[in-house]
Amino acid sequence: MKALKTKIEGLYVLEPDIFGDERGYFFESYTKKKLDSLISEEYTFVQDNESKSSYGVLRGLHYQLAPYSQTKLVRVIQGRVYDVAVDLRSDSPTFGEWAGVELSAENKKQFLVPKGFAHGFVVLSENAVFAYKCDECYNPKAERGIIFNDPALGIDWKVSPDDLIIAEKDKKWPVIAEAEMNF
């Protein structure tokens, strides 16, 4: 496995070693010891989640306030998504900046999104099955978000705004300048 740094400190794209032959393929999607050896932080994941969505579904931008904030290790099992993380760490030189990566069943890349980031994705294929590990359990009282189309962020979601399918709660999040955060 390779851990590729993004332009934002602590945010990584992981590329697994894939072993394939005429029967199909095999790869380790997660090995704690291997991940710990590749990056400077250690994580203990306590919850796995999975969602299925159709083309144009945008989920995000979500995060949880500390002490319930979550590190997420995300990947796509079926289809393709464009995955985005926004730096919300107040002392970070990249506060308010974002990075995105295409995750797919074909490329098998993963995105490690640490605590202190808002996270979201949009489905680029007909359907997508999205899976992720979290190092903290979901806490609805700590859930917060940032509006996906905040002009200060300028995220290119790779899907026409007319084709986006967004939950009502995700349409009501504030812009980053007005969002509650404690990182």
Protein backbone atom coordinates (compact mmCIF):
# COMPACT_ATOMS: atom_id res chain seq x y z
CA MET A 1 0.00 0.00 0.00
CA LYS A 2 1.12 3.55 -0.74
CA ALA A 3 0.09 6.64 1.23
CA LEU A 4 0.10 9.68 -1.05
CA LYS A 5 0.11 13.08 0.62
CA THR A 6 -2.33 15.69 -0.63
CA LYS A 7 -1.77 19.45 -0.59
CA ILE A 8 -3.28 19.46 2.92
CA GLU A 9 -1.27 18.11 5.86
CA GLY A 10 -2.75 14.93 7.36
CA LEU A 11 -5.03 14.18 4.39
CA TYR A 12 -3.95 11.09 2.41
CA VAL A 13 -4.97 9.10 -0.66
CA LEU A 14 -4.19 5.43 -0.11
CA GLU A 15 -3.42 3.12 -3.01
CA PRO A 16 -3.54 -0.58 -2.13
CA ASP A 17 -1.40 -3.30 -3.62
CA ILE A 18 -3.77 -5.26 -5.87
CA PHE A 19 -3.02 -8.86 -6.81
CA GLY A 20 -4.92 -10.07 -9.85
CA ASP A 21 -5.03 -13.00 -12.20
CA GLU A 22 -7.55 -14.79 -14.41
CA ARG A 23 -9.67 -15.56 -11.32
CA GLY A 24 -10.10 -11.92 -10.30
CA TYR A 25 -8.25 -9.87 -7.70
CA PHE A 26 -7.32 -9.64 -4.03
CA PHE A 27 -6.20 -6.71 -1.90
CA GLU A 28 -6.06 -5.73 1.76
CA SER A 29 -8.46 -2.82 2.20
CA TYR A 30 -7.27 -2.18 5.73
CA THR A 31 -4.46 -3.38 7.96
CA LYS A 32 -3.88 -1.27 11.07
CA LYS A 33 -0.19 -2.11 11.36
CA LYS A 34 0.45 -1.22 7.71
CA LEU A 35 -1.50 2.06 7.88
CA ASP A 36 0.23 3.07 11.12
CA SER A 37 3.63 2.47 9.49
CA LEU A 38 2.77 4.69 6.50
CA ILE A 39 1.51 7.82 8.28
CA SER A 40 2.43 9.66 11.44
CA GLU A 41 -0.91 9.16 13.22
CA GLU A 42 -2.41 5.98 14.65
CA TYR A 43 -6.12 5.29 14.32
CA THR A 44 -8.39 2.71 15.90
CA PHE A 45 -11.57 2.37 13.90
CA VAL A 46 -14.73 1.52 15.86
CA GLN A 47 -17.58 1.80 13.33
CA ASP A 48 -18.07 0.77 9.69
CA ASN A 49 -20.72 2.44 7.51
CA GLU A 50 -22.02 1.81 4.01
CA SER A 51 -24.36 3.75 1.74
CA LYS A 52 -25.78 3.20 -1.72
CA SER A 53 -26.66 6.20 -3.86
CA SER A 54 -27.58 6.98 -7.45
CA TYR A 55 -26.03 9.40 -9.94
CA GLY A 56 -25.92 12.98 -8.73
CA VAL A 57 -26.52 12.25 -5.05
CA LEU A 58 -24.35 14.60 -3.02
CA ARG A 59 -23.85 13.75 0.64
CA GLY A 60 -22.13 16.41 2.73
CA LEU A 61 -20.31 18.40 3.75
CA HIS A 62 -20.49 16.73 7.20
CA TYR A 63 -18.43 16.68 10.38
CA GLN A 64 -18.87 16.19 14.12
CA LEU A 65 -17.74 18.61 16.80
CA ALA A 66 -15.00 17.55 19.23
CA PRO A 67 -14.85 15.47 21.35
CA TYR A 68 -16.97 13.39 18.95
CA SER A 69 -15.09 14.32 15.77
CA GLN A 70 -14.27 11.43 13.46
CA THR A 71 -11.40 10.27 11.32
CA LYS A 72 -12.81 8.46 8.28
CA LEU A 73 -11.19 5.97 5.95
CA VAL A 74 -13.44 5.95 2.88
CA ARG A 75 -13.63 3.85 -0.29
CA VAL A 76 -16.00 2.82 -3.07
CA ILE A 77 -17.07 -0.80 -3.49
CA GLN A 78 -19.23 -0.25 -6.59
CA GLY A 79 -19.31 2.68 -9.01
CA ARG A 80 -17.48 6.03 -8.86
CA VAL A 81 -17.64 9.09 -6.62
CA TYR A 82 -15.85 12.39 -6.30
CA ASP A 83 -14.83 12.67 -2.66
CA VAL A 84 -13.98 15.98 -0.97
CA ALA A 85 -12.47 17.00 2.38
CA VAL A 86 -12.35 20.60 3.68
CA ASP A 87 -9.79 21.63 6.32
CA LEU A 88 -11.60 23.10 9.37
CA ARG A 89 -8.62 23.10 11.74
CA SER A 90 -8.42 26.71 12.98
CA ASP A 91 -4.63 26.65 13.45
CA SER A 92 -3.93 25.04 10.07
CA PRO A 93 -2.22 27.05 7.31
CA THR A 94 -4.68 25.39 4.91
CA PHE A 95 -7.84 26.24 6.89
CA GLY A 96 -10.76 26.51 4.46
CA GLU A 97 -8.95 24.72 1.64
CA TRP A 98 -10.25 21.50 0.14
CA ALA A 99 -8.90 18.49 -1.71
CA GLY A 100 -10.81 16.03 -3.84
CA VAL A 101 -10.15 12.62 -5.33
CA GLU A 102 -12.08 10.24 -7.53
CA LEU A 103 -12.69 6.95 -5.76
CA SER A 104 -13.98 3.97 -7.70
CA ALA A 105 -14.42 0.24 -7.63
CA GLU A 106 -11.84 0.12 -10.41
CA ASN A 107 -9.05 2.24 -8.90
CA LYS A 108 -9.65 0.96 -5.33
CA LYS A 109 -8.17 4.14 -3.88
CA GLN A 110 -9.10 5.19 -0.36
CA PHE A 111 -9.20 8.63 1.25
CA LEU A 112 -8.07 9.11 4.84
CA VAL A 113 -9.96 12.11 6.23
CA PRO A 114 -8.75 13.03 9.74
CA LYS A 115 -10.60 14.78 12.54
CA GLY A 116 -11.05 18.48 11.86
CA PHE A 117 -12.26 18.09 8.29
CA ALA A 118 -15.69 18.37 6.70
CA HIS A 119 -16.34 15.51 4.29
CA GLY A 120 -18.68 14.92 1.37
CA PHE A 121 -19.01 13.08 -1.91
CA VAL A 122 -21.06 13.07 -5.10
CA VAL A 123 -21.89 9.99 -7.18
CA LEU A 124 -20.49 10.07 -10.73
CA SER A 125 -21.74 6.66 -11.90
CA GLU A 126 -25.27 5.27 -12.27
CA ASN A 127 -25.01 3.94 -8.69
CA ALA A 128 -22.30 3.75 -6.07
CA VAL A 129 -21.76 1.77 -2.90
CA PHE A 130 -19.64 3.83 -0.51
CA ALA A 131 -18.00 2.33 2.60
CA TYR A 132 -16.09 3.93 5.42
CA LYS A 133 -14.50 3.29 8.76
CA CYS A 134 -14.75 5.82 11.62
CA ASP A 135 -12.63 6.12 14.74
CA GLU A 136 -15.59 7.54 16.73
CA CYS A 137 -19.23 6.52 16.70
CA TYR A 138 -21.87 8.79 15.19
CA ASN A 139 -23.31 11.32 17.65
CA PRO A 140 -26.33 13.20 16.27
CA LYS A 141 -25.94 16.04 18.81
CA ALA A 142 -22.42 16.74 17.55
CA GLU A 143 -23.31 16.63 13.83
CA ARG A 144 -22.62 19.78 11.85
CA GLY A 145 -22.09 20.70 8.23
CA ILE A 146 -21.16 23.29 5.64
CA ILE A 147 -23.27 24.06 2.57
CA PHE A 148 -21.90 22.18 -0.43
CA ASN A 149 -21.93 25.21 -2.73
CA ASP A 150 -20.29 27.76 -0.41
CA PRO A 151 -18.72 30.33 -2.79
CA ALA A 152 -15.78 30.79 -0.38
CA LEU A 153 -14.84 27.13 -0.98
CA GLY A 154 -15.54 27.01 -4.72
CA ILE A 155 -15.73 23.21 -4.88
CA ASP A 156 -16.11 21.76 -8.37
CA TRP A 157 -18.34 18.76 -7.72
CA LYS A 158 -17.91 17.38 -11.28
CA VAL A 159 -21.72 17.14 -11.71
CA SER A 160 -24.03 19.80 -13.14
CA PRO A 161 -25.93 21.62 -10.35
CA ASP A 162 -29.16 20.69 -12.20
CA ASP A 163 -28.35 16.99 -11.70
CA LEU A 164 -27.56 17.14 -7.98
CA ILE A 165 -29.80 15.28 -5.53
CA ILE A 166 -29.33 16.68 -2.04
CA ALA A 167 -31.02 15.92 1.29
CA GLU A 168 -33.00 18.81 2.76
CA LYS A 169 -30.73 18.97 5.82
CA ASP A 170 -27.66 19.31 3.57
CA LYS A 171 -29.27 22.27 1.77
CA LYS A 172 -29.58 24.14 5.08
CA TRP A 173 -26.02 24.00 6.40
CA PRO A 174 -24.28 27.39 6.84
CA VAL A 175 -21.31 28.71 4.85
CA ILE A 176 -17.89 28.06 6.35
CA ALA A 177 -17.64 31.61 7.76
CA GLU A 178 -20.79 31.00 9.87
CA ALA A 179 -20.30 27.31 10.73
CA GLU A 180 -19.81 26.12 14.29
CA MET A 181 -16.51 24.31 14.70
CA ASN A 182 -14.09 23.62 17.54
CA PHE A 183 -10.97 22.10 16.00
